[in-house]
Amino acid sequence: MTISNCETKFNCTGIAIVASLILGIIAAFLQITAVLTIPPVLFAGVVIIALVYLAVTLIAISLTQTSTACRTLCSVLSVLLFGILGSVLFAVILLIIDVAATSVIGSILVGLLVFSFSLILLTTACLIKCIARCDD
């Protein structure tokens, strides 16, 4: 049983979720200790990148819909869409509110944003792997 196969129980998306969760916790800890300060322009950049990912994903899926089984892509796409929508949501919330460097709520929101954004990046690798039908 390979870990990266698209049809196993703990597949590439499972690894992406765990890695993103670890990155989100680290980012929240660094934000609460004021080691990491994120400028508001980064939040706008995350919104733009997430919306571009959404457009590219929709185009890519519409082009490969006939050649790839839907069952294989559904789990990867649901995690990818969760990451995209989460990134847009948390970035917009962080743009609206003023985040203090040591604010607990701000740190939680930054951690959730980093979790969602890293989930986009890692799940995109899983999506490419599933579309290319790589089993190893």
N, C-alpha and C. Protein backbone atom coordinates (compact mmCIF):
# COMPACT_ATOMS: atom_id res chain seq x y z
N MET A 1 0.84 -1.17 0.00
CA MET A 1 0.00 0.00 0.00
C MET A 1 0.89 1.24 0.00
N THR A 2 0.71 2.09 -0.97
CA THR A 2 1.50 3.30 -1.05
C THR A 2 0.75 4.46 -0.42
N ILE A 3 1.47 5.38 0.16
CA ILE A 3 0.84 6.52 0.84
C ILE A 3 0.30 7.52 -0.16
N SER A 4 0.94 7.68 -1.30
CA SER A 4 0.56 8.74 -2.23
C SER A 4 -0.47 8.33 -3.26
N ASN A 5 -0.95 7.10 -3.22
CA ASN A 5 -1.96 6.66 -4.16
C ASN A 5 -3.26 7.44 -3.92
N CYS A 6 -3.94 7.83 -4.98
CA CYS A 6 -5.14 8.66 -4.86
C CYS A 6 -6.31 7.92 -4.24
N GLU A 7 -6.28 6.60 -4.23
CA GLU A 7 -7.44 5.86 -3.77
C GLU A 7 -7.24 5.20 -2.41
N THR A 8 -6.17 5.44 -1.70
CA THR A 8 -5.98 4.87 -0.39
C THR A 8 -6.69 5.72 0.66
N LYS A 9 -6.82 5.16 1.87
CA LYS A 9 -7.51 5.89 2.93
C LYS A 9 -6.72 7.12 3.37
N PHE A 10 -5.42 6.96 3.64
CA PHE A 10 -4.59 8.08 4.07
C PHE A 10 -3.70 8.45 2.90
N ASN A 11 -4.24 9.22 2.00
CA ASN A 11 -3.55 9.51 0.75
C ASN A 11 -2.81 10.83 0.82
N CYS A 12 -2.51 11.35 -0.32
CA CYS A 12 -1.77 12.61 -0.44
C CYS A 12 -2.51 13.76 0.24
N THR A 13 -3.82 13.78 0.16
CA THR A 13 -4.57 14.86 0.81
C THR A 13 -4.49 14.76 2.32
N GLY A 14 -4.42 13.56 2.85
CA GLY A 14 -4.24 13.40 4.30
C GLY A 14 -2.92 13.95 4.77
N ILE A 15 -1.88 13.69 4.01
CA ILE A 15 -0.56 14.24 4.33
C ILE A 15 -0.59 15.76 4.22
N ALA A 16 -1.27 16.28 3.21
CA ALA A 16 -1.36 17.73 3.02
C ALA A 16 -2.11 18.39 4.19
N ILE A 17 -3.16 17.76 4.67
CA ILE A 17 -3.92 18.32 5.79
C ILE A 17 -3.07 18.34 7.06
N VAL A 18 -2.35 17.26 7.33
CA VAL A 18 -1.52 17.21 8.53
C VAL A 18 -0.39 18.24 8.45
N ALA A 19 0.27 18.33 7.30
CA ALA A 19 1.36 19.30 7.13
C ALA A 19 0.85 20.73 7.23
N SER A 20 -0.31 21.00 6.66
CA SER A 20 -0.90 22.34 6.74
C SER A 20 -1.29 22.69 8.17
N LEU A 21 -1.81 21.71 8.89
CA LEU A 21 -2.17 21.94 10.28
C LEU A 21 -0.95 22.28 11.12
N ILE A 22 0.15 21.58 10.89
CA ILE A 22 1.39 21.88 11.60
C ILE A 22 1.88 23.28 11.26
N LEU A 23 1.84 23.65 9.99
CA LEU A 23 2.27 24.99 9.59
C LEU A 23 1.38 26.08 10.19
N GLY A 24 0.08 25.82 10.24
CA GLY A 24 -0.85 26.78 10.84
C GLY A 24 -0.61 26.99 12.33
N ILE A 25 -0.33 25.90 13.04
CA ILE A 25 -0.04 26.00 14.47
C ILE A 25 1.26 26.76 14.71
N ILE A 26 2.26 26.48 13.90
CA ILE A 26 3.54 27.20 14.03
C ILE A 26 3.34 28.69 13.75
N ALA A 27 2.58 29.01 12.70
CA ALA A 27 2.34 30.43 12.36
C ALA A 27 1.56 31.14 13.47
N ALA A 28 0.57 30.47 14.05
CA ALA A 28 -0.19 31.08 15.14
C ALA A 28 0.71 31.32 16.36
N PHE A 29 1.58 30.35 16.66
CA PHE A 29 2.50 30.52 17.78
C PHE A 29 3.47 31.67 17.52
N LEU A 30 4.00 31.76 16.30
CA LEU A 30 4.92 32.84 15.98
C LEU A 30 4.23 34.21 15.98
N GLN A 31 2.96 34.23 15.62
CA GLN A 31 2.21 35.48 15.64
C GLN A 31 1.92 35.92 17.07
N ILE A 32 1.56 35.00 17.95
CA ILE A 32 1.23 35.37 19.33
C ILE A 32 2.48 35.81 20.09
N THR A 33 3.64 35.28 19.72
CA THR A 33 4.88 35.70 20.38
C THR A 33 5.51 36.91 19.71
N ALA A 34 4.87 37.45 18.70
CA ALA A 34 5.29 38.64 17.96
C ALA A 34 6.60 38.44 17.21
N VAL A 35 6.94 37.20 16.93
CA VAL A 35 8.10 36.92 16.08
C VAL A 35 7.73 37.13 14.62
N LEU A 36 6.50 36.78 14.28
CA LEU A 36 6.00 36.89 12.92
C LEU A 36 4.98 38.03 12.86
N THR A 37 5.27 39.02 12.06
CA THR A 37 4.28 40.08 11.82
C THR A 37 3.94 40.08 10.34
N ILE A 38 2.68 40.07 10.06
CA ILE A 38 2.22 39.96 8.68
C ILE A 38 1.60 41.29 8.27
N PRO A 39 2.13 41.92 7.22
CA PRO A 39 1.55 43.18 6.75
C PRO A 39 0.21 42.93 6.05
N PRO A 40 -0.70 43.89 6.11
CA PRO A 40 -2.02 43.72 5.49
C PRO A 40 -1.97 43.50 3.98
N VAL A 41 -0.91 43.96 3.32
CA VAL A 41 -0.84 43.76 1.87
C VAL A 41 -0.70 42.26 1.54
N LEU A 42 -0.16 41.49 2.47
CA LEU A 42 -0.07 40.05 2.25
C LEU A 42 -1.45 39.41 2.20
N PHE A 43 -2.38 39.93 3.00
CA PHE A 43 -3.74 39.38 3.00
C PHE A 43 -4.42 39.60 1.65
N ALA A 44 -4.21 40.77 1.06
CA ALA A 44 -4.77 41.04 -0.27
C ALA A 44 -4.12 40.13 -1.30
N GLY A 45 -2.84 39.89 -1.16
CA GLY A 45 -2.15 38.97 -2.07
C GLY A 45 -2.68 37.55 -1.96
N VAL A 46 -2.99 37.12 -0.75
CA VAL A 46 -3.55 35.78 -0.55
C VAL A 46 -4.91 35.66 -1.22
N VAL A 47 -5.73 36.70 -1.12
CA VAL A 47 -7.05 36.68 -1.77
C VAL A 47 -6.88 36.54 -3.29
N ILE A 48 -5.98 37.31 -3.87
CA ILE A 48 -5.76 37.26 -5.31
C ILE A 48 -5.23 35.89 -5.73
N ILE A 49 -4.26 35.37 -5.01
CA ILE A 49 -3.70 34.07 -5.35
C ILE A 49 -4.76 32.97 -5.23
N ALA A 50 -5.58 33.02 -4.18
CA ALA A 50 -6.62 32.01 -4.00
C ALA A 50 -7.66 32.06 -5.11
N LEU A 51 -8.03 33.26 -5.54
CA LEU A 51 -9.02 33.37 -6.62
C LEU A 51 -8.43 32.92 -7.95
N VAL A 52 -7.15 33.17 -8.17
CA VAL A 52 -6.49 32.67 -9.38
C VAL A 52 -6.43 31.14 -9.35
N TYR A 53 -6.13 30.58 -8.19
CA TYR A 53 -6.14 29.12 -8.06
C TYR A 53 -7.51 28.55 -8.36
N LEU A 54 -8.56 29.23 -7.90
CA LEU A 54 -9.91 28.76 -8.16
C LEU A 54 -10.20 28.76 -9.66
N ALA A 55 -9.83 29.83 -10.35
CA ALA A 55 -10.06 29.89 -11.80
C ALA A 55 -9.26 28.83 -12.54
N VAL A 56 -7.99 28.67 -12.18
CA VAL A 56 -7.15 27.68 -12.86
C VAL A 56 -7.66 26.26 -12.59
N THR A 57 -8.11 26.02 -11.37
CA THR A 57 -8.64 24.69 -11.03
C THR A 57 -9.90 24.39 -11.83
N LEU A 58 -10.79 25.37 -11.94
CA LEU A 58 -12.01 25.15 -12.72
C LEU A 58 -11.70 24.88 -14.19
N ILE A 59 -10.76 25.61 -14.73
CA ILE A 59 -10.38 25.39 -16.13
C ILE A 59 -9.72 24.03 -16.30
N ALA A 60 -8.82 23.68 -15.41
CA ALA A 60 -8.11 22.40 -15.52
C ALA A 60 -9.06 21.22 -15.38
N ILE A 61 -10.01 21.32 -14.47
CA ILE A 61 -10.95 20.22 -14.28
C ILE A 61 -11.90 20.11 -15.46
N SER A 62 -12.30 21.22 -16.02
CA SER A 62 -13.19 21.15 -17.18
C SER A 62 -12.48 20.56 -18.39
N LEU A 63 -11.18 20.77 -18.50
CA LEU A 63 -10.43 20.20 -19.61
C LEU A 63 -10.11 18.72 -19.42
N THR A 64 -9.95 18.28 -18.18
CA THR A 64 -9.58 16.88 -17.92
C THR A 64 -10.73 16.05 -17.40
N GLN A 65 -11.93 16.57 -17.45
CA GLN A 65 -13.07 15.87 -16.87
C GLN A 65 -13.35 14.54 -17.57
N THR A 66 -13.18 14.48 -18.85
CA THR A 66 -13.50 13.25 -19.56
C THR A 66 -12.40 12.20 -19.45
N SER A 67 -11.17 12.61 -19.17
CA SER A 67 -10.08 11.65 -19.15
C SER A 67 -9.76 11.09 -17.77
N THR A 68 -10.30 11.66 -16.71
CA THR A 68 -10.00 11.21 -15.37
C THR A 68 -11.28 10.88 -14.63
N ALA A 69 -11.24 9.81 -13.88
CA ALA A 69 -12.43 9.41 -13.12
C ALA A 69 -12.75 10.43 -12.04
N CYS A 70 -14.03 10.74 -11.89
CA CYS A 70 -14.46 11.74 -10.91
C CYS A 70 -14.20 11.25 -9.49
N ARG A 71 -14.32 9.97 -9.27
CA ARG A 71 -14.14 9.41 -7.93
C ARG A 71 -12.75 9.69 -7.40
N THR A 72 -11.77 9.66 -8.27
CA THR A 72 -10.39 9.88 -7.86
C THR A 72 -10.16 11.33 -7.49
N LEU A 73 -10.77 12.25 -8.23
CA LEU A 73 -10.52 13.67 -8.02
C LEU A 73 -11.39 14.32 -6.95
N CYS A 74 -12.49 13.68 -6.58
CA CYS A 74 -13.44 14.34 -5.67
C CYS A 74 -12.83 14.66 -4.32
N SER A 75 -12.07 13.75 -3.74
CA SER A 75 -11.50 14.04 -2.42
C SER A 75 -10.45 15.14 -2.51
N VAL A 76 -9.66 15.13 -3.56
CA VAL A 76 -8.63 16.15 -3.73
C VAL A 76 -9.27 17.51 -3.99
N LEU A 77 -10.30 17.53 -4.82
CA LEU A 77 -10.97 18.80 -5.13
C LEU A 77 -11.70 19.38 -3.94
N SER A 78 -12.30 18.54 -3.12
CA SER A 78 -13.01 19.07 -1.96
C SER A 78 -12.04 19.72 -0.97
N VAL A 79 -10.88 19.11 -0.78
CA VAL A 79 -9.88 19.70 0.11
C VAL A 79 -9.31 20.97 -0.50
N LEU A 80 -9.07 20.96 -1.81
CA LEU A 80 -8.55 22.15 -2.48
C LEU A 80 -9.54 23.31 -2.41
N LEU A 81 -10.80 23.04 -2.65
CA LEU A 81 -11.82 24.09 -2.56
C LEU A 81 -11.99 24.60 -1.13
N PHE A 82 -11.86 23.71 -0.15
CA PHE A 82 -11.90 24.14 1.25
C PHE A 82 -10.74 25.09 1.54
N GLY A 83 -9.56 24.78 1.02
CA GLY A 83 -8.40 25.65 1.22
C GLY A 83 -8.58 26.99 0.54
N ILE A 84 -9.11 26.98 -0.67
CA ILE A 84 -9.32 28.24 -1.40
C ILE A 84 -10.33 29.12 -0.69
N LEU A 85 -11.47 28.54 -0.34
CA LEU A 85 -12.51 29.34 0.32
C LEU A 85 -12.08 29.77 1.72
N GLY A 86 -11.35 28.91 2.43
CA GLY A 86 -10.84 29.30 3.74
C GLY A 86 -9.83 30.42 3.65
N SER A 87 -8.96 30.37 2.65
CA SER A 87 -7.96 31.43 2.48
C SER A 87 -8.62 32.76 2.17
N VAL A 88 -9.59 32.75 1.29
CA VAL A 88 -10.29 33.99 0.95
C VAL A 88 -11.03 34.52 2.18
N LEU A 89 -11.73 33.65 2.88
CA LEU A 89 -12.50 34.07 4.05
C LEU A 89 -11.60 34.67 5.14
N PHE A 90 -10.55 33.96 5.51
CA PHE A 90 -9.70 34.43 6.60
C PHE A 90 -8.88 35.65 6.19
N ALA A 91 -8.48 35.73 4.93
CA ALA A 91 -7.75 36.92 4.47
C ALA A 91 -8.64 38.15 4.48
N VAL A 92 -9.89 37.99 4.07
CA VAL A 92 -10.82 39.12 4.09
C VAL A 92 -11.12 39.54 5.53
N ILE A 93 -11.29 38.58 6.42
CA ILE A 93 -11.52 38.91 7.82
C ILE A 93 -10.33 39.66 8.40
N LEU A 94 -9.11 39.19 8.08
CA LEU A 94 -7.92 39.85 8.59
C LEU A 94 -7.70 41.22 7.95
N LEU A 95 -8.21 41.41 6.73
CA LEU A 95 -8.15 42.74 6.12
C LEU A 95 -9.12 43.71 6.79
N ILE A 96 -10.25 43.18 7.21
CA ILE A 96 -11.28 44.04 7.82
C ILE A 96 -10.88 44.47 9.23
N ILE A 97 -10.40 43.53 10.03
CA ILE A 97 -10.05 43.88 11.41
C ILE A 97 -8.59 44.30 11.47
N ASP A 98 -8.28 45.06 12.49
CA ASP A 98 -6.90 45.48 12.71
C ASP A 98 -6.26 44.47 13.65
N VAL A 99 -5.23 43.79 13.17
CA VAL A 99 -4.61 42.71 13.93
C VAL A 99 -3.44 43.25 14.73
N ALA A 100 -3.53 43.11 16.04
CA ALA A 100 -2.40 43.45 16.90
C ALA A 100 -1.43 42.27 16.90
N ALA A 101 -0.18 42.55 17.11
CA ALA A 101 0.84 41.50 17.01
C ALA A 101 0.65 40.39 18.03
N THR A 102 0.20 40.72 19.22
CA THR A 102 0.05 39.70 20.26
C THR A 102 -1.40 39.39 20.59
N SER A 103 -2.30 39.68 19.69
CA SER A 103 -3.72 39.39 19.90
C SER A 103 -3.98 37.89 19.72
N VAL A 104 -4.73 37.33 20.65
CA VAL A 104 -5.03 35.90 20.58
C VAL A 104 -5.92 35.61 19.38
N ILE A 105 -6.95 36.42 19.18
CA ILE A 105 -7.86 36.21 18.05
C ILE A 105 -7.12 36.41 16.73
N GLY A 106 -6.27 37.43 16.66
CA GLY A 106 -5.48 37.65 15.46
C GLY A 106 -4.54 36.50 15.18
N SER A 107 -3.96 35.93 16.22
CA SER A 107 -3.05 34.79 16.04
C SER A 107 -3.80 33.56 15.54
N ILE A 108 -4.99 33.34 16.08
CA ILE A 108 -5.80 32.20 15.62
C ILE A 108 -6.18 32.39 14.16
N LEU A 109 -6.59 33.60 13.80
CA LEU A 109 -6.97 33.86 12.41
C LEU A 109 -5.77 33.73 11.46
N VAL A 110 -4.60 34.19 11.89
CA VAL A 110 -3.40 34.04 11.06
C VAL A 110 -3.05 32.57 10.92
N GLY A 111 -3.17 31.81 12.00
CA GLY A 111 -2.93 30.38 11.92
C GLY A 111 -3.89 29.68 10.97
N LEU A 112 -5.16 30.07 11.02
CA LEU A 112 -6.14 29.49 10.09
C LEU A 112 -5.87 29.89 8.65
N LEU A 113 -5.41 31.12 8.45
CA LEU A 113 -5.06 31.57 7.11
C LEU A 113 -3.87 30.79 6.56
N VAL A 114 -2.84 30.63 7.38
CA VAL A 114 -1.67 29.87 6.93
C VAL A 114 -2.05 28.41 6.68
N PHE A 115 -2.91 27.85 7.53
CA PHE A 115 -3.41 26.49 7.32
C PHE A 115 -4.11 26.37 5.97
N SER A 116 -5.03 27.29 5.70
CA SER A 116 -5.79 27.23 4.45
C SER A 116 -4.91 27.46 3.23
N PHE A 117 -3.99 28.41 3.33
CA PHE A 117 -3.15 28.72 2.17
C PHE A 117 -2.15 27.60 1.90
N SER A 118 -1.57 27.03 2.94
CA SER A 118 -0.65 25.91 2.71
C SER A 118 -1.42 24.68 2.23
N LEU A 119 -2.68 24.58 2.62
CA LEU A 119 -3.52 23.49 2.11
C LEU A 119 -3.74 23.63 0.61
N ILE A 120 -3.88 24.85 0.13
CA ILE A 120 -3.99 25.08 -1.31
C ILE A 120 -2.74 24.58 -2.03
N LEU A 121 -1.60 25.00 -1.54
CA LEU A 121 -0.35 24.65 -2.22
C LEU A 121 -0.07 23.15 -2.19
N LEU A 122 -0.27 22.52 -1.04
CA LEU A 122 0.02 21.10 -0.93
C LEU A 122 -1.01 20.24 -1.66
N THR A 123 -2.26 20.66 -1.63
CA THR A 123 -3.29 19.88 -2.32
C THR A 123 -3.19 20.04 -3.83
N THR A 124 -2.65 21.15 -4.29
CA THR A 124 -2.43 21.31 -5.73
C THR A 124 -1.43 20.26 -6.22
N ALA A 125 -0.42 19.98 -5.42
CA ALA A 125 0.52 18.92 -5.78
C ALA A 125 -0.20 17.57 -5.84
N CYS A 126 -1.12 17.34 -4.93
CA CYS A 126 -1.90 16.10 -4.95
C CYS A 126 -2.80 16.04 -6.19
N LEU A 127 -3.39 17.18 -6.54
CA LEU A 127 -4.26 17.22 -7.72
C LEU A 127 -3.48 16.93 -8.99
N ILE A 128 -2.31 17.51 -9.11
CA ILE A 128 -1.47 17.25 -10.28
C ILE A 128 -1.08 15.78 -10.33
N LYS A 129 -0.76 15.22 -9.17
CA LYS A 129 -0.37 13.82 -9.11
C LYS A 129 -1.54 12.90 -9.51
N CYS A 130 -2.75 13.25 -9.09
CA CYS A 130 -3.91 12.44 -9.46
C CYS A 130 -4.28 12.58 -10.93
N ILE A 131 -4.17 13.79 -11.46
CA ILE A 131 -4.48 14.00 -12.88
C ILE A 131 -3.48 13.26 -13.76
N ALA A 132 -2.21 13.27 -13.34
CA ALA A 132 -1.17 12.59 -14.12
C ALA A 132 -1.17 11.09 -13.87
N ARG A 133 -2.00 10.62 -12.94
CA ARG A 133 -2.13 9.21 -12.59
C ARG A 133 -0.81 8.60 -12.12
N CYS A 134 -0.12 9.33 -11.26
CA CYS A 134 1.12 8.82 -10.68
C CYS A 134 0.75 8.04 -9.42
N ASP A 135 1.19 6.82 -9.34
CA ASP A 135 0.85 5.98 -8.18
C ASP A 135 2.02 5.80 -7.23
N ASP A 136 3.17 6.42 -7.50
CA ASP A 136 4.29 6.25 -6.60
C ASP A 136 4.89 7.57 -6.22
